[in-house]
Amino acid sequence: MKANRRLIITAIITIVIVAFLGAYQLPYYIYKPGTADPLNEIVEVSGGHQSEGEMHLVTVRGGQATPMQWILAQFRSYHQIYPLDQIRPEGVTEEEYFHAQLQMMDSSQEASKVVAYKAAGKDIEINYEGVFVMNVIEGMPAADVLETGDQITKVDGQTIEQTSDLIDYVSDMEEGSSVTLTVVREEETIEKDIELAAFPDNPEKVGVGISLVTDRSVKVSPKVKVKSGEIGGPSAGLMFSLEIYDQLTEEDITKGYEIAGTGEVNYEGQVGRIGGIDKKVVAASNHGAQIFFAPNEEGREGSNYEVAKETAEDIGTDMKVVPVDSFQDAIDYLKELEAKKA
């Protein structure tokens, strides 16, 4: 009886330990290489052209760490651990964070459509429907004045249609200057006077301390469907625009290659820096990609391109890493590329 009791107690303790190691959530977040998904299964242009090769959306997997995941991440290459508050601001739930990521994906897709359809000379109509506060930076002037979800319609009486209108307006101002923002909050229009201050992580840049998103509706012809599912964030913008453009035009710009890459793209086609590019290089290489586009950031030291190139050398991949500052840079490279031999 005593032996059986000891076995039962040991089994219970073991189950509790295993459950703790596998299920308890630590205040850490782990990022690791994700997938390289073919975009022709995600993007569908009505009557679009098919290609010999494929464009790929590359992802980074992330999630709050369990003790077991935290331990394994100590020994696995390109698994990075962050304190949770560096990823998700205090008071923001996992659901809210994920929703924000999906919103950024939606915005990324809209920008990609605009860039691709304009480049392909196709019909496009853009309607601006407001600029909204996504996040307020703690310690900055807006923290006590603005709220997530506020719609900003004017700055000093000038109409705001998109985020760049506000950013450009304050970019030449000095710290201590003030602006009057016209804000719609819960159907009430109010005016808020806010001083500009230097950003804690970039003292040379001043602002009120908010991140913004422009709500637009884009109508295009021919129609396009994008089924990105649960993938979030803005970093697939470049690859979305390349895939849409490839389907819109008769020329096969893939030339038979497996092409991956990353980079946020704005409505002017400029490619911006993203996070986790080393992990995306690993994911793309694991999938067998032969070309990888990386944001060049105009050649600045420590750019996404530099990190991507160093990672490619570190893992010994034959995949070619190509620097791009714009959508057009990627198009120009592909047009000059020799077709892959069968």
Protein backbone atom coordinates (compact mmCIF):
# COMPACT_ATOMS: atom_id res chain seq x y z
CA MET A 1 0.00 0.00 0.00
CA LYS A 2 2.81 2.41 0.93
CA ALA A 3 4.60 1.63 -2.35
CA ASN A 4 1.42 2.29 -4.33
CA ARG A 5 0.87 5.53 -2.46
CA ARG A 6 4.43 6.64 -3.26
CA LEU A 7 3.89 5.80 -6.94
CA ILE A 8 0.66 7.81 -7.00
CA ILE A 9 2.29 10.80 -5.29
CA THR A 10 5.29 10.60 -7.64
CA ALA A 11 2.98 10.43 -10.66
CA ILE A 12 0.99 13.46 -9.46
CA ILE A 13 4.17 15.47 -8.84
CA THR A 14 5.49 14.51 -12.28
CA ILE A 15 2.24 15.57 -13.95
CA VAL A 16 2.30 18.90 -12.10
CA ILE A 17 5.93 19.55 -13.12
CA VAL A 18 5.29 18.63 -16.76
CA ALA A 19 2.17 20.82 -16.82
CA PHE A 20 4.14 23.69 -15.32
CA LEU A 21 7.00 23.36 -17.81
CA GLY A 22 4.67 23.09 -20.78
CA ALA A 23 1.80 25.40 -19.93
CA TYR A 24 2.76 28.08 -17.38
CA GLN A 25 3.39 31.40 -19.10
CA LEU A 26 6.50 33.35 -18.13
CA PRO A 27 6.84 37.14 -18.53
CA TYR A 28 8.95 36.59 -21.66
CA TYR A 29 8.26 36.49 -25.38
CA ILE A 30 10.13 34.24 -27.82
CA TYR A 31 10.65 34.98 -31.50
CA LYS A 32 11.93 32.28 -33.87
CA PRO A 33 12.01 31.49 -37.61
CA GLY A 34 8.55 30.91 -39.05
CA THR A 35 7.32 29.89 -42.49
CA ALA A 36 7.78 30.88 -46.12
CA ASP A 37 4.28 30.69 -47.57
CA PRO A 38 3.69 30.79 -51.35
CA LEU A 39 1.77 33.95 -52.14
CA ASN A 40 -0.06 32.55 -55.15
CA GLU A 41 -2.15 30.63 -52.59
CA ILE A 42 -2.87 33.83 -50.63
CA VAL A 43 -3.28 36.46 -53.37
CA GLU A 44 -5.72 36.02 -56.23
CA VAL A 45 -6.11 38.65 -58.94
CA SER A 46 -9.19 38.13 -61.09
CA GLY A 47 -7.97 36.81 -64.44
CA GLY A 48 -4.38 37.03 -63.17
CA HIS A 49 -1.39 35.56 -64.98
CA GLN A 50 0.43 32.48 -63.68
CA SER A 51 4.20 32.24 -63.21
CA GLU A 52 6.81 29.49 -63.32
CA GLY A 53 8.35 30.52 -60.02
CA GLU A 54 6.80 31.67 -56.75
CA MET A 55 6.84 34.68 -54.44
CA HIS A 56 6.90 33.89 -50.73
CA LEU A 57 5.64 35.69 -47.64
CA VAL A 58 8.12 35.00 -44.82
CA THR A 59 7.02 34.98 -41.18
CA VAL A 60 8.47 35.04 -37.70
CA ARG A 61 6.78 32.93 -35.06
CA GLY A 62 6.28 34.51 -31.68
CA GLY A 63 4.52 33.79 -28.43
CA GLN A 64 4.67 34.11 -24.68
CA ALA A 65 7.19 31.62 -23.32
CA THR A 66 6.51 28.56 -21.19
CA PRO A 67 9.39 27.35 -18.96
CA MET A 68 10.17 24.53 -21.44
CA GLN A 69 10.21 26.90 -24.42
CA TRP A 70 12.41 29.32 -22.47
CA ILE A 71 14.91 26.56 -21.70
CA LEU A 72 15.01 25.27 -25.29
CA ALA A 73 15.44 28.81 -26.65
CA GLN A 74 18.71 29.11 -24.73
CA PHE A 75 20.26 26.46 -26.98
CA ARG A 76 18.58 27.04 -30.36
CA SER A 77 20.00 29.38 -32.98
CA TYR A 78 17.89 32.37 -33.95
CA HIS A 79 15.46 31.91 -31.07
CA GLN A 80 15.36 35.27 -29.29
CA ILE A 81 13.93 35.98 -25.84
CA TYR A 82 12.52 39.38 -24.87
CA PRO A 83 10.93 40.66 -21.66
CA LEU A 84 7.18 40.67 -22.31
CA ASP A 85 6.82 44.42 -21.66
CA GLN A 86 9.19 45.14 -24.58
CA ILE A 87 6.78 43.40 -26.96
CA ARG A 88 3.39 44.08 -25.47
CA PRO A 89 2.88 47.34 -23.54
CA GLU A 90 1.63 46.94 -19.99
CA GLY A 91 -2.16 46.69 -19.89
CA VAL A 92 -2.41 45.39 -23.48
CA THR A 93 -3.76 41.85 -23.67
CA GLU A 94 -2.53 39.18 -26.09
CA GLU A 95 -5.84 39.53 -27.94
CA GLU A 96 -5.47 43.32 -28.26
CA TYR A 97 -1.86 42.96 -29.41
CA PHE A 98 -2.86 40.36 -32.01
CA HIS A 99 -5.73 42.57 -33.22
CA ALA A 100 -3.31 45.48 -33.69
CA GLN A 101 -1.03 43.20 -35.73
CA LEU A 102 -3.94 42.22 -37.98
CA GLN A 103 -4.83 45.89 -38.47
CA MET A 104 -1.27 46.58 -39.59
CA MET A 105 -1.52 43.65 -42.01
CA ASP A 106 -4.69 45.18 -43.48
CA SER A 107 -2.95 48.52 -43.94
CA SER A 108 0.02 46.76 -45.52
CA GLN A 109 -2.23 45.01 -48.02
CA GLU A 110 -3.90 48.29 -49.00
CA ALA A 111 -0.52 49.94 -49.64
CA SER A 112 0.60 46.90 -51.64
CA LYS A 113 -2.45 47.12 -53.88
CA VAL A 114 -1.87 50.81 -54.54
CA VAL A 115 1.82 50.29 -55.39
CA ALA A 116 1.22 47.25 -57.62
CA TYR A 117 -1.80 48.59 -59.51
CA LYS A 118 -0.15 51.95 -60.17
CA ALA A 119 3.02 50.24 -61.42
CA ALA A 120 0.97 47.96 -63.67
CA GLY A 121 -1.09 50.87 -65.01
CA LYS A 122 -4.39 49.41 -63.77
CA ASP A 123 -7.50 51.18 -62.45
CA ILE A 124 -7.41 52.23 -58.81
CA GLU A 125 -9.45 54.56 -56.57
CA ILE A 126 -8.45 55.57 -53.04
CA ASN A 127 -10.89 56.97 -50.46
CA TYR A 128 -9.45 58.38 -47.21
CA GLU A 129 -11.67 57.69 -44.21
CA GLY A 130 -9.71 59.00 -41.25
CA VAL A 131 -6.49 58.91 -39.23
CA PHE A 132 -6.69 57.04 -35.93
CA VAL A 133 -4.46 56.78 -32.86
CA MET A 134 -3.17 53.21 -32.55
CA ASN A 135 -0.95 53.69 -29.53
CA VAL A 136 0.14 56.44 -27.14
CA ILE A 137 3.78 56.43 -26.02
CA GLU A 138 4.18 56.54 -22.25
CA GLY A 139 6.07 59.59 -21.02
CA MET A 140 5.33 61.64 -24.15
CA PRO A 141 3.00 64.70 -24.19
CA ALA A 142 0.08 62.84 -25.80
CA ALA A 143 -0.04 60.27 -22.99
CA ASP A 144 -2.33 62.41 -20.82
CA VAL A 145 -4.30 63.92 -23.69
CA LEU A 146 -5.05 61.38 -26.43
CA GLU A 147 -6.48 57.87 -26.31
CA THR A 148 -6.24 54.79 -28.49
CA GLY A 149 -9.06 54.99 -31.06
CA ASP A 150 -9.16 58.80 -31.24
CA GLN A 151 -9.65 60.08 -34.79
CA ILE A 152 -7.49 63.09 -35.69
CA THR A 153 -9.13 65.25 -38.34
CA LYS A 154 -7.10 68.49 -38.23
CA VAL A 155 -3.80 69.95 -37.03
CA ASP A 156 -3.83 73.72 -36.45
CA GLY A 157 -6.97 73.89 -38.59
CA GLN A 158 -5.46 71.99 -41.54
CA THR A 159 -7.29 68.83 -42.64
CA ILE A 160 -5.56 65.49 -42.00
CA GLU A 161 -6.31 62.76 -44.53
CA GLN A 162 -3.41 60.39 -43.86
CA THR A 163 -0.70 59.87 -41.26
CA SER A 164 1.98 61.55 -43.38
CA ASP A 165 0.00 64.81 -43.28
CA LEU A 166 0.52 65.09 -39.53
CA ILE A 167 4.05 63.70 -39.51
CA ASP A 168 5.19 66.08 -42.25
CA TYR A 169 3.52 69.04 -40.51
CA VAL A 170 5.44 68.60 -37.24
CA SER A 171 8.71 67.30 -38.71
CA ASP A 172 10.33 70.75 -38.98
CA MET A 173 9.08 72.00 -35.60
CA GLU A 174 11.23 72.27 -32.50
CA GLU A 175 10.85 70.73 -29.06
CA GLY A 176 8.50 72.85 -26.94
CA SER A 177 6.40 74.01 -29.89
CA SER A 178 2.71 73.23 -29.63
CA VAL A 179 -0.02 72.17 -32.02
CA THR A 180 -3.80 72.09 -31.78
CA LEU A 181 -5.32 68.77 -32.79
CA THR A 182 -8.99 68.41 -33.69
CA VAL A 183 -10.08 65.01 -32.40
CA VAL A 184 -13.24 62.94 -32.72
CA ARG A 185 -13.81 60.77 -29.65
CA GLU A 186 -17.01 58.77 -29.24
CA GLU A 187 -18.81 61.00 -31.77
CA GLU A 188 -17.76 64.18 -29.93
CA THR A 189 -15.39 66.64 -31.63
CA ILE A 190 -12.86 68.24 -29.28
CA GLU A 191 -9.67 70.31 -29.62
CA LYS A 192 -6.47 69.41 -27.75
CA ASP A 193 -3.35 71.60 -27.40
CA ILE A 194 -0.23 69.44 -27.21
CA GLU A 195 3.45 70.36 -26.92
CA LEU A 196 6.08 68.56 -28.97
CA ALA A 197 8.85 66.66 -27.23
CA ALA A 198 11.87 64.62 -28.28
CA PHE A 199 11.33 60.87 -28.55
CA PRO A 200 13.18 58.96 -25.78
CA ASP A 201 14.80 56.55 -28.27
CA ASN A 202 15.51 59.22 -30.90
CA PRO A 203 16.29 62.62 -29.34
CA GLU A 204 16.75 64.27 -32.75
CA LYS A 205 13.12 63.59 -33.65
CA VAL A 206 10.20 65.45 -32.05
CA GLY A 207 6.49 64.67 -31.93
CA VAL A 208 3.50 64.32 -29.62
CA GLY A 209 4.15 60.61 -28.98
CA ILE A 210 1.54 58.61 -30.89
CA SER A 211 1.49 55.89 -33.53
CA LEU A 212 -1.14 56.38 -36.19
CA VAL A 213 -2.98 54.38 -38.81
CA THR A 214 -4.79 55.74 -41.86
CA ASP A 215 -8.17 54.18 -42.59
CA ARG A 216 -8.52 53.96 -46.36
CA SER A 217 -10.67 52.05 -48.76
CA VAL A 218 -9.10 51.06 -52.05
CA LYS A 219 -11.10 50.02 -55.10
CA VAL A 220 -9.21 48.30 -57.89
CA SER A 221 -9.93 46.73 -61.26
CA PRO A 222 -9.45 43.86 -61.89
CA LYS A 223 -10.46 42.71 -58.41
CA VAL A 224 -7.99 41.10 -56.03
CA LYS A 225 -8.55 38.86 -53.00
CA VAL A 226 -5.97 38.49 -50.23
CA LYS A 227 -6.43 35.66 -47.74
CA SER A 228 -3.70 36.20 -45.15
CA GLY A 229 -5.62 34.49 -42.33
CA GLU A 230 -3.97 34.87 -38.94
CA ILE A 231 -0.75 36.43 -40.23
CA GLY A 232 -0.24 39.90 -38.77
CA GLY A 233 2.10 42.86 -39.02
CA PRO A 234 3.15 45.17 -41.88
CA SER A 235 6.35 43.46 -43.04
CA ALA A 236 4.87 41.48 -45.95
CA GLY A 237 4.06 44.65 -47.89
CA LEU A 238 6.88 44.35 -50.43
CA MET A 239 6.15 40.71 -51.26
CA PHE A 240 2.39 41.35 -51.52
CA SER A 241 3.02 44.15 -54.00
CA LEU A 242 5.38 41.98 -56.07
CA GLU A 243 2.90 39.08 -56.19
CA ILE A 244 -0.01 41.34 -57.16
CA TYR A 245 2.10 43.02 -59.85
CA ASP A 246 3.26 39.63 -61.17
CA GLN A 247 -0.34 38.46 -61.55
CA LEU A 248 -1.43 41.75 -63.16
CA THR A 249 1.24 41.71 -65.88
CA GLU A 250 1.88 39.23 -68.66
CA GLU A 251 5.63 39.11 -68.07
CA ASP A 252 6.68 36.41 -65.59
CA ILE A 253 8.93 38.41 -63.28
CA THR A 254 9.73 35.34 -61.16
CA LYS A 255 11.76 33.91 -64.09
CA GLY A 256 11.19 30.47 -62.55
CA TYR A 257 12.84 31.27 -59.19
CA GLU A 258 11.67 30.81 -55.62
CA ILE A 259 11.67 34.40 -54.36
CA ALA A 260 11.26 35.51 -50.77
CA GLY A 261 11.77 38.77 -48.96
CA THR A 262 10.41 41.24 -46.47
CA GLY A 263 9.89 44.93 -45.89
CA GLU A 264 7.05 47.31 -45.11
CA VAL A 265 5.98 49.25 -48.20
CA ASN A 266 4.31 52.65 -48.14
CA TYR A 267 1.95 54.15 -50.71
CA GLU A 268 4.88 55.66 -52.62
CA GLY A 269 6.55 52.25 -52.92
CA GLN A 270 9.38 52.93 -50.46
CA VAL A 271 10.53 49.86 -48.53
CA GLY A 272 10.94 50.25 -44.77
CA ARG A 273 12.82 48.45 -42.02
CA ILE A 274 11.22 45.50 -40.24
CA GLY A 275 12.01 43.39 -37.19
CA GLY A 276 13.31 39.82 -37.03
CA ILE A 277 14.96 39.77 -40.44
CA ASP A 278 17.59 37.24 -39.35
CA LYS A 279 14.83 34.76 -38.51
CA LYS A 280 13.13 35.42 -41.84
CA VAL A 281 16.36 34.68 -43.70
CA VAL A 282 16.55 31.35 -41.88
CA ALA A 283 12.90 30.55 -42.68
CA ALA A 284 13.32 31.45 -46.36
CA SER A 285 16.51 29.39 -46.67
CA ASN A 286 14.90 26.40 -44.96
CA HIS A 287 12.11 26.54 -47.55
CA GLY A 288 14.57 26.61 -50.45
CA ALA A 289 14.25 30.23 -51.59
CA GLN A 290 16.91 31.31 -54.08
CA ILE A 291 16.46 35.09 -53.82
CA PHE A 292 15.70 37.18 -50.73
CA PHE A 293 14.86 40.90 -50.85
CA ALA A 294 15.91 42.90 -47.76
CA PRO A 295 15.34 46.58 -46.89
CA ASN A 296 18.55 48.47 -47.63
CA GLU A 297 17.64 51.59 -45.60
CA GLU A 298 19.70 53.64 -48.06
CA GLY A 299 22.84 51.79 -47.04
CA ARG A 300 22.91 52.84 -43.40
CA GLU A 301 25.10 50.90 -40.96
CA GLY A 302 23.27 47.99 -39.33
CA SER A 303 20.54 47.99 -41.98
CA ASN A 304 18.17 45.07 -42.49
CA TYR A 305 20.20 44.17 -45.58
CA GLU A 306 23.48 44.00 -43.62
CA VAL A 307 21.90 41.79 -40.95
CA ALA A 308 20.29 39.58 -43.61
CA LYS A 309 23.58 39.17 -45.47
CA GLU A 310 25.46 38.31 -42.26
CA THR A 311 22.78 35.76 -41.35
CA ALA A 312 22.95 34.16 -44.80
CA GLU A 313 26.72 33.82 -44.44
CA ASP A 314 26.34 32.42 -40.93
CA ILE A 315 23.95 29.64 -41.95
CA GLY A 316 25.86 28.89 -45.16
CA THR A 317 22.94 29.33 -47.56
CA ASP A 318 23.31 29.76 -51.32
CA MET A 319 20.28 32.06 -51.30
CA LYS A 320 21.17 35.48 -52.76
CA VAL A 321 20.31 38.43 -50.52
CA VAL A 322 19.36 41.52 -52.55
CA PRO A 323 19.20 45.07 -51.06
CA VAL A 324 16.17 47.20 -52.01
CA ASP A 325 15.06 50.69 -51.05
CA SER A 326 11.88 50.59 -53.09
CA PHE A 327 9.40 48.35 -54.87
CA GLN A 328 10.90 49.58 -58.14
CA ASP A 329 14.36 48.38 -57.05
CA ALA A 330 12.97 44.85 -56.71
CA ILE A 331 11.18 45.07 -60.08
CA ASP A 332 14.34 46.33 -61.79
CA TYR A 333 16.39 43.49 -60.33
CA LEU A 334 13.90 40.84 -61.45
CA LYS A 335 13.60 42.29 -64.97
CA GLU A 336 17.38 42.09 -65.40
CA LEU A 337 17.54 38.57 -63.99
CA GLU A 338 18.27 35.74 -66.40
CA ALA A 339 15.50 33.13 -66.54
CA LYS A 340 16.23 30.02 -64.49
CA LYS A 341 17.40 27.13 -66.62
CA ALA A 342 15.20 24.04 -66.53
